[in-house]
Amino acid sequence: MILLTTSRRPTPRIRTFCRDLARSIPNVVRVNRGKLSLDGVAERAIEFDADRVVIINRWKGGPGKIELFEVGQEGLVLVPPI
């Protein structure tokens, strides 16, 4: 399962993109991040039994960077791009 969330202060465009992405990809759970730190996001991923976390970051008001993390014993581990 994949946990999908946004940066801390998402714009309406990012919220819409995240919602559409969660509806179009199977086995994805969307979570409102709020003021959660990365450790808090890792705890939420463990609660949902997710093995990966996707964070949509903003850039100039729109979706800018999509980061993929794996949930490990030490928290979130960034998966480098191919």
PDB file of N, CA and C in Angstrom:
ATOM      1  N   MET A   1       0.837  -1.169   0.000  1.00  0.00           N
ATOM      2  CA  MET A   1       0.000   0.000   0.000  1.00  0.00           C
ATOM      3  C   MET A   1       0.889   1.242   0.000  1.00  0.00           C
ATOM      4  N   ILE A   2       0.377   2.304  -0.585  1.00  0.00           N
ATOM      5  CA  ILE A   2       1.114   3.563  -0.691  1.00  0.00           C
ATOM      6  C   ILE A   2       0.332   4.654   0.026  1.00  0.00           C
ATOM      7  N   LEU A   3       1.029   5.430   0.836  1.00  0.00           N
ATOM      8  CA  LEU A   3       0.441   6.588   1.502  1.00  0.00           C
ATOM      9  C   LEU A   3       0.803   7.818   0.692  1.00  0.00           C
ATOM     10  N   LEU A   4      -0.188   8.605   0.319  1.00  0.00           N
ATOM     11  CA  LEU A   4       0.005   9.799  -0.498  1.00  0.00           C
ATOM     12  C   LEU A   4      -0.338  11.022   0.333  1.00  0.00           C
ATOM     13  N   THR A   5       0.562  11.993   0.364  1.00  0.00           N
ATOM     14  CA  THR A   5       0.322  13.220   1.109  1.00  0.00           C
ATOM     15  C   THR A   5       0.989  14.386   0.390  1.00  0.00           C
ATOM     16  N   THR A   6       0.780  15.580   0.924  1.00  0.00           N
ATOM     17  CA  THR A   6       1.295  16.789   0.296  1.00  0.00           C
ATOM     18  C   THR A   6       2.359  17.417   1.182  1.00  0.00           C
ATOM     19  N   SER A   7       2.886  18.540   0.711  1.00  0.00           N
ATOM     20  CA  SER A   7       3.791  19.322   1.543  1.00  0.00           C
ATOM     21  C   SER A   7       2.973  19.964   2.665  1.00  0.00           C
ATOM     22  N   ARG A   8       3.627  20.686   3.541  1.00  0.00           N
ATOM     23  CA  ARG A   8       2.929  21.228   4.708  1.00  0.00           C
ATOM     24  C   ARG A   8       1.878  22.268   4.365  1.00  0.00           C
ATOM     25  N   ARG A   9       2.135  23.111   3.391  1.00  0.00           N
ATOM     26  CA  ARG A   9       1.174  24.160   3.030  1.00  0.00           C
ATOM     27  C   ARG A   9       0.801  24.015   1.555  1.00  0.00           C
ATOM     28  N   PRO A  10      -0.073  23.060   1.224  1.00  0.00           N
ATOM     29  CA  PRO A  10      -0.406  22.840  -0.180  1.00  0.00           C
ATOM     30  C   PRO A  10      -1.355  23.907  -0.717  1.00  0.00           C
ATOM     31  N   THR A  11      -1.221  24.180  -1.988  1.00  0.00           N
ATOM     32  CA  THR A  11      -2.139  25.086  -2.672  1.00  0.00           C
ATOM     33  C   THR A  11      -3.358  24.282  -3.121  1.00  0.00           C
ATOM     34  N   PRO A  12      -4.441  24.945  -3.496  1.00  0.00           N
ATOM     35  CA  PRO A  12      -5.610  24.202  -3.997  1.00  0.00           C
ATOM     36  C   PRO A  12      -5.295  23.326  -5.209  1.00  0.00           C
ATOM     37  N   ARG A  13      -4.393  23.777  -6.077  1.00  0.00           N
ATOM     38  CA  ARG A  13      -4.014  22.948  -7.232  1.00  0.00           C
ATOM     39  C   ARG A  13      -3.332  21.659  -6.798  1.00  0.00           C
ATOM     40  N   ILE A  14      -2.497  21.733  -5.768  1.00  0.00           N
ATOM     41  CA  ILE A  14      -1.810  20.533  -5.287  1.00  0.00           C
ATOM     42  C   ILE A  14      -2.803  19.594  -4.614  1.00  0.00           C
ATOM     43  N   ARG A  15      -3.749  20.140  -3.856  1.00  0.00           N
ATOM     44  CA  ARG A  15      -4.772  19.301  -3.222  1.00  0.00           C
ATOM     45  C   ARG A  15      -5.588  18.555  -4.277  1.00  0.00           C
ATOM     46  N   THR A  16      -5.969  19.263  -5.336  1.00  0.00           N
ATOM     47  CA  THR A  16      -6.733  18.637  -6.413  1.00  0.00           C
ATOM     48  C   THR A  16      -5.909  17.569  -7.116  1.00  0.00           C
ATOM     49  N   PHE A  17      -4.649  17.862  -7.402  1.00  0.00           N
ATOM     50  CA  PHE A  17      -3.769  16.890  -8.049  1.00  0.00           C
ATOM     51  C   PHE A  17      -3.609  15.644  -7.182  1.00  0.00           C
ATOM     52  N   CYS A  18      -3.420  15.839  -5.895  1.00  0.00           N
ATOM     53  CA  CYS A  18      -3.238  14.730  -4.961  1.00  0.00           C
ATOM     54  C   CYS A  18      -4.513  13.880  -4.890  1.00  0.00           C
ATOM     55  N   ARG A  19      -5.659  14.524  -4.839  1.00  0.00           N
ATOM     56  CA  ARG A  19      -6.934  13.808  -4.783  1.00  0.00           C
ATOM     57  C   ARG A  19      -7.152  12.998  -6.064  1.00  0.00           C
ATOM     58  N   ASP A  20      -6.875  13.599  -7.227  1.00  0.00           N
ATOM     59  CA  ASP A  20      -7.029  12.888  -8.497  1.00  0.00           C
ATOM     60  C   ASP A  20      -6.055  11.724  -8.607  1.00  0.00           C
ATOM     61  N   LEU A  21      -4.838  11.926  -8.145  1.00  0.00           N
ATOM     62  CA  LEU A  21      -3.831  10.866  -8.181  1.00  0.00           C
ATOM     63  C   LEU A  21      -4.240   9.698  -7.289  1.00  0.00           C
ATOM     64  N   ALA A  22      -4.777   9.995  -6.116  1.00  0.00           N
ATOM     65  CA  ALA A  22      -5.200   8.940  -5.190  1.00  0.00           C
ATOM     66  C   ALA A  22      -6.372   8.144  -5.753  1.00  0.00           C
ATOM     67  N   ARG A  23      -7.237   8.793  -6.511  1.00  0.00           N
ATOM     68  CA  ARG A  23      -8.385   8.093  -7.091  1.00  0.00           C
ATOM     69  C   ARG A  23      -8.009   7.260  -8.306  1.00  0.00           C
ATOM     70  N   SER A  24      -6.930   7.615  -8.989  1.00  0.00           N
ATOM     71  CA  SER A  24      -6.582   6.921 -10.223  1.00  0.00           C
ATOM     72  C   SER A  24      -5.589   5.775 -10.031  1.00  0.00           C
ATOM     73  N   ILE A  25      -4.874   5.741  -8.918  1.00  0.00           N
ATOM     74  CA  ILE A  25      -3.902   4.676  -8.662  1.00  0.00           C
ATOM     75  C   ILE A  25      -4.474   3.734  -7.606  1.00  0.00           C
ATOM     76  N   PRO A  26      -4.503   2.425  -7.881  1.00  0.00           N
ATOM     77  CA  PRO A  26      -5.038   1.491  -6.882  1.00  0.00           C
ATOM     78  C   PRO A  26      -4.104   1.357  -5.672  1.00  0.00           C
ATOM     79  N   ASN A  27      -4.682   0.990  -4.548  1.00  0.00           N
ATOM     80  CA  ASN A  27      -3.962   0.755  -3.283  1.00  0.00           C
ATOM     81  C   ASN A  27      -3.232   1.997  -2.780  1.00  0.00           C
ATOM     82  N   VAL A  28      -3.851   3.160  -2.938  1.00  0.00           N
ATOM     83  CA  VAL A  28      -3.283   4.416  -2.449  1.00  0.00           C
ATOM     84  C   VAL A  28      -4.233   5.007  -1.418  1.00  0.00           C
ATOM     85  N   VAL A  29      -3.672   5.435  -0.295  1.00  0.00           N
ATOM     86  CA  VAL A  29      -4.435   6.114   0.745  1.00  0.00           C
ATOM     87  C   VAL A  29      -3.920   7.538   0.830  1.00  0.00           C
ATOM     88  N   ARG A  30      -4.829   8.509   0.711  1.00  0.00           N
ATOM     89  CA  ARG A  30      -4.451   9.922   0.796  1.00  0.00           C
ATOM     90  C   ARG A  30      -4.687  10.400   2.218  1.00  0.00           C
ATOM     91  N   VAL A  31      -3.695  11.112   2.756  1.00  0.00           N
ATOM     92  CA  VAL A  31      -3.764  11.627   4.121  1.00  0.00           C
ATOM     93  C   VAL A  31      -3.465  13.116   4.091  1.00  0.00           C
ATOM     94  N   ASN A  32      -4.276  13.897   4.803  1.00  0.00           N
ATOM     95  CA  ASN A  32      -3.971  15.314   4.967  1.00  0.00           C
ATOM     96  C   ASN A  32      -2.807  15.432   5.933  1.00  0.00           C
ATOM     97  N   ARG A  33      -1.757  16.103   5.517  1.00  0.00           N
ATOM     98  CA  ARG A  33      -0.545  16.159   6.326  1.00  0.00           C
ATOM     99  C   ARG A  33      -0.659  17.139   7.477  1.00  0.00           C
ATOM    100  N   GLY A  34      -1.179  18.308   7.236  1.00  0.00           N
ATOM    101  CA  GLY A  34      -1.251  19.306   8.297  1.00  0.00           C
ATOM    102  C   GLY A  34       0.140  19.725   8.727  1.00  0.00           C
ATOM    103  N   LYS A  35       0.419  19.649  10.022  1.00  0.00           N
ATOM    104  CA  LYS A  35       1.731  20.043  10.543  1.00  0.00           C
ATOM    105  C   LYS A  35       2.606  18.842  10.891  1.00  0.00           C
ATOM    106  N   LEU A  36       2.309  17.684  10.319  1.00  0.00           N
ATOM    107  CA  LEU A  36       3.093  16.490  10.620  1.00  0.00           C
ATOM    108  C   LEU A  36       4.517  16.612  10.082  1.00  0.00           C
ATOM    109  N   SER A  37       5.461  16.197  10.886  1.00  0.00           N
ATOM    110  CA  SER A  37       6.848  16.106  10.422  1.00  0.00           C
ATOM    111  C   SER A  37       6.992  14.825   9.602  1.00  0.00           C
ATOM    112  N   LEU A  38       8.173  14.605   9.053  1.00  0.00           N
ATOM    113  CA  LEU A  38       8.398  13.364   8.309  1.00  0.00           C
ATOM    114  C   LEU A  38       8.288  12.149   9.218  1.00  0.00           C
ATOM    115  N   ASP A  39       8.704  12.294  10.479  1.00  0.00           N
ATOM    116  CA  ASP A  39       8.546  11.192  11.431  1.00  0.00           C
ATOM    117  C   ASP A  39       7.069  10.914  11.687  1.00  0.00           C
ATOM    118  N   GLY A  40       6.270  11.968  11.763  1.00  0.00           N
ATOM    119  CA  GLY A  40       4.830  11.801  11.935  1.00  0.00           C
ATOM    120  C   GLY A  40       4.186  11.133  10.737  1.00  0.00           C
ATOM    121  N   VAL A  41       4.655  11.484   9.546  1.00  0.00           N
ATOM    122  CA  VAL A  41       4.153  10.841   8.331  1.00  0.00           C
ATOM    123  C   VAL A  41       4.534   9.363   8.339  1.00  0.00           C
ATOM    124  N   ALA A  42       5.736   9.045   8.805  1.00  0.00           N
ATOM    125  CA  ALA A  42       6.170   7.644   8.897  1.00  0.00           C
ATOM    126  C   ALA A  42       5.284   6.874   9.870  1.00  0.00           C
ATOM    127  N   GLU A  43       4.926   7.492  10.987  1.00  0.00           N
ATOM    128  CA  GLU A  43       4.041   6.833  11.950  1.00  0.00           C
ATOM    129  C   GLU A  43       2.665   6.582  11.344  1.00  0.00           C
ATOM    130  N   ARG A  44       2.150   7.553  10.584  1.00  0.00           N
ATOM    131  CA  ARG A  44       0.856   7.360   9.918  1.00  0.00           C
ATOM    132  C   ARG A  44       0.940   6.236   8.893  1.00  0.00           C
ATOM    133  N   ALA A  45       2.070   6.139   8.190  1.00  0.00           N
ATOM    134  CA  ALA A  45       2.244   5.066   7.208  1.00  0.00           C
ATOM    135  C   ALA A  45       2.238   3.707   7.895  1.00  0.00           C
ATOM    136  N   ILE A  46       2.862   3.625   9.057  1.00  0.00           N
ATOM    137  CA  ILE A  46       2.866   2.366   9.803  1.00  0.00           C
ATOM    138  C   ILE A  46       1.456   2.036  10.278  1.00  0.00           C
ATOM    139  N   GLU A  47       0.685   3.054  10.699  1.00  0.00           N
ATOM    140  CA  GLU A  47      -0.706   2.832  11.112  1.00  0.00           C
ATOM    141  C   GLU A  47      -1.541   2.253   9.975  1.00  0.00           C
ATOM    142  N   PHE A  48      -1.322   2.745   8.756  1.00  0.00           N
ATOM    143  CA  PHE A  48      -2.071   2.271   7.595  1.00  0.00           C
ATOM    144  C   PHE A  48      -1.434   1.042   6.952  1.00  0.00           C
ATOM    145  N   ASP A  49      -0.350   0.548   7.516  1.00  0.00           N
ATOM    146  CA  ASP A  49       0.386  -0.604   6.998  1.00  0.00           C
ATOM    147  C   ASP A  49       0.878  -0.346   5.564  1.00  0.00           C
ATOM    148  N   ALA A  50       1.335   0.874   5.320  1.00  0.00           N
ATOM    149  CA  ALA A  50       1.868   1.244   4.010  1.00  0.00           C
ATOM    150  C   ALA A  50       3.374   1.000   3.991  1.00  0.00           C
ATOM    151  N   ASP A  51       3.875   0.530   2.863  1.00  0.00           N
ATOM    152  CA  ASP A  51       5.314   0.294   2.756  1.00  0.00           C
ATOM    153  C   ASP A  51       6.026   1.415   2.004  1.00  0.00           C
ATOM    154  N   ARG A  52       5.247   2.306   1.361  1.00  0.00           N
ATOM    155  CA  ARG A  52       5.837   3.448   0.657  1.00  0.00           C
ATOM    156  C   ARG A  52       5.026   4.704   0.940  1.00  0.00           C
ATOM    157  N   VAL A  53       5.710   5.849   0.853  1.00  0.00           N
ATOM    158  CA  VAL A  53       5.078   7.153   1.046  1.00  0.00           C
ATOM    159  C   VAL A  53       5.451   8.037  -0.136  1.00  0.00           C
ATOM    160  N   VAL A  54       4.454   8.713  -0.697  1.00  0.00           N
ATOM    161  CA  VAL A  54       4.676   9.672  -1.778  1.00  0.00           C
ATOM    162  C   VAL A  54       4.288  11.047  -1.256  1.00  0.00           C
ATOM    163  N   ILE A  55       5.208  12.010  -1.354  1.00  0.00           N
ATOM    164  CA  ILE A  55       4.950  13.378  -0.915  1.00  0.00           C
ATOM    165  C   ILE A  55       5.006  14.290  -2.138  1.00  0.00           C
ATOM    166  N   ILE A  56       3.925  15.037  -2.344  1.00  0.00           N
ATOM    167  CA  ILE A  56       3.833  15.990  -3.446  1.00  0.00           C
ATOM    168  C   ILE A  56       4.233  17.357  -2.904  1.00  0.00           C
ATOM    169  N   ASN A  57       5.349  17.893  -3.358  1.00  0.00           N
ATOM    170  CA  ASN A  57       5.825  19.206  -2.921  1.00  0.00           C
ATOM    171  C   ASN A  57       5.403  20.267  -3.917  1.00  0.00           C
ATOM    172  N   ARG A  58       5.413  21.526  -3.466  1.00  0.00           N
ATOM    173  CA  ARG A  58       4.979  22.614  -4.339  1.00  0.00           C
ATOM    174  C   ARG A  58       6.168  23.386  -4.893  1.00  0.00           C
ATOM    175  N   TRP A  59       5.912  23.984  -6.046  1.00  0.00           N
ATOM    176  CA  TRP A  59       6.886  24.866  -6.676  1.00  0.00           C
ATOM    177  C   TRP A  59       6.113  25.883  -7.492  1.00  0.00           C
ATOM    178  N   LYS A  60       6.227  27.136  -7.122  1.00  0.00           N
ATOM    179  CA  LYS A  60       5.530  28.243  -7.779  1.00  0.00           C
ATOM    180  C   LYS A  60       4.020  28.010  -7.846  1.00  0.00           C
ATOM    181  N   GLY A  61       3.455  27.492  -6.777  1.00  0.00           N
ATOM    182  CA  GLY A  61       2.011  27.335  -6.675  1.00  0.00           C
ATOM    183  C   GLY A  61       1.447  26.049  -7.225  1.00  0.00           C
ATOM    184  N   GLY A  62       2.254  25.250  -7.871  1.00  0.00           N
ATOM    185  CA  GLY A  62       1.769  24.001  -8.448  1.00  0.00           C
ATOM    186  C   GLY A  62       2.599  22.831  -7.968  1.00  0.00           C
ATOM    187  N   PRO A  63       2.220  21.630  -8.383  1.00  0.00           N
ATOM    188  CA  PRO A  63       3.020  20.458  -8.018  1.00  0.00           C
ATOM    189  C   PRO A  63       4.403  20.564  -8.642  1.00  0.00           C
ATOM    190  N   GLY A  64       5.434  20.499  -7.833  1.00  0.00           N
ATOM    191  CA  GLY A  64       6.777  20.693  -8.348  1.00  0.00           C
ATOM    192  C   GLY A  64       7.645  19.462  -8.275  1.00  0.00           C
ATOM    193  N   LYS A  65       7.635  18.791  -7.140  1.00  0.00           N
ATOM    194  CA  LYS A  65       8.511  17.644  -6.945  1.00  0.00           C
ATOM    195  C   LYS A  65       7.709  16.540  -6.281  1.00  0.00           C
ATOM    196  N   ILE A  66       7.856  15.332  -6.788  1.00  0.00           N
ATOM    197  CA  ILE A  66       7.211  14.167  -6.193  1.00  0.00           C
ATOM    198  C   ILE A  66       8.317  13.302  -5.615  1.00  0.00           C
ATOM    199  N   GLU A  67       8.288  13.125  -4.301  1.00  0.00           N
ATOM    200  CA  GLU A  67       9.313  12.336  -3.620  1.00  0.00           C
ATOM    201  C   GLU A  67       8.725  11.002  -3.175  1.00  0.00           C
ATOM    202  N   LEU A  68       9.473   9.933  -3.407  1.00  0.00           N
ATOM    203  CA  LEU A  68       9.069   8.593  -3.011  1.00  0.00           C
ATOM    204  C   LEU A  68       9.959   8.135  -1.865  1.00  0.00           C
ATOM    205  N   PHE A  69       9.328   7.683  -0.793  1.00  0.00           N
ATOM    206  CA  PHE A  69      10.038   7.190   0.381  1.00  0.00           C
ATOM    207  C   PHE A  69       9.612   5.757   0.651  1.00  0.00           C
ATOM    208  N   GLU A  70      10.519   4.978   1.221  1.00  0.00           N
ATOM    209  CA  GLU A  70      10.178   3.662   1.740  1.00  0.00           C
ATOM    210  C   GLU A  70      10.146   3.754   3.253  1.00  0.00           C
ATOM    211  N   VAL A  71       9.213   3.038   3.852  1.00  0.00           N
ATOM    212  CA  VAL A  71       9.081   3.039   5.302  1.00  0.00           C
ATOM    213  C   VAL A  71       9.996   1.951   5.851  1.00  0.00           C
ATOM    214  N   GLY A  72      10.961   2.367   6.675  1.00  0.00           N
ATOM    215  CA  GLY A  72      11.899   1.429   7.274  1.00  0.00           C
ATOM    216  C   GLY A  72      11.876   1.519   8.782  1.00  0.00           C
ATOM    217  N   GLN A  73      12.752   0.791   9.419  1.00  0.00           N
ATOM    218  CA  GLN A  73      12.837   0.802  10.877  1.00  0.00           C
ATOM    219  C   GLN A  73      13.281   2.158  11.399  1.00  0.00           C
ATOM    220  N   GLU A  74      14.120   2.861  10.650  1.00  0.00           N
ATOM    221  CA  GLU A  74      14.633   4.160  11.086  1.00  0.00           C
ATOM    222  C   GLU A  74      13.774   5.318  10.607  1.00  0.00           C
ATOM    223  N   GLY A  75      12.625   5.050  10.005  1.00  0.00           N
ATOM    224  CA  GLY A  75      11.736   6.101   9.516  1.00  0.00           C
ATOM    225  C   GLY A  75      11.627   6.041   8.008  1.00  0.00           C
ATOM    226  N   LEU A  76      11.494   7.198   7.403  1.00  0.00           N
ATOM    227  CA  LEU A  76      11.366   7.265   5.952  1.00  0.00           C
ATOM    228  C   LEU A  76      12.740   7.324   5.296  1.00  0.00           C
ATOM    229  N   VAL A  77      12.915   6.519   4.263  1.00  0.00           N
ATOM    230  CA  VAL A  77      14.166   6.478   3.504  1.00  0.00           C
ATOM    231  C   VAL A  77      13.845   6.918   2.081  1.00  0.00           C
ATOM    232  N   LEU A  78      14.491   7.983   1.625  1.00  0.00           N
ATOM    233  CA  LEU A  78      14.249   8.515   0.287  1.00  0.00           C
ATOM    234  C   LEU A  78      14.738   7.533  -0.766  1.00  0.00           C
ATOM    235  N   VAL A  79      13.869   7.255  -1.734  1.00  0.00           N
ATOM    236  CA  VAL A  79      14.240   6.394  -2.855  1.00  0.00           C
ATOM    237  C   VAL A  79      14.777   7.303  -3.955  1.00  0.00           C
ATOM    238  N   PRO A  80      16.028   7.123  -4.367  1.00  0.00           N
ATOM    239  CA  PRO A  80      16.601   8.015  -5.387  1.00  0.00           C
ATOM    240  C   PRO A  80      15.935   7.797  -6.740  1.00  0.00           C
ATOM    241  N   PRO A  81      15.857   8.852  -7.554  1.00  0.00           N
ATOM    242  CA  PRO A  81      15.266   8.697  -8.891  1.00  0.00           C
ATOM    243  C   PRO A  81      16.149   7.829  -9.776  1.00  0.00           C
ATOM    244  N   ILE A  82      15.527   7.242 -10.765  1.00  0.00           N
ATOM    245  CA  ILE A  82      16.256   6.349 -11.677  1.00  0.00           C
ATOM    246  C   ILE A  82      16.980   7.163 -12.717  1.00  0.00           C
TER     247      ILE A  82
END
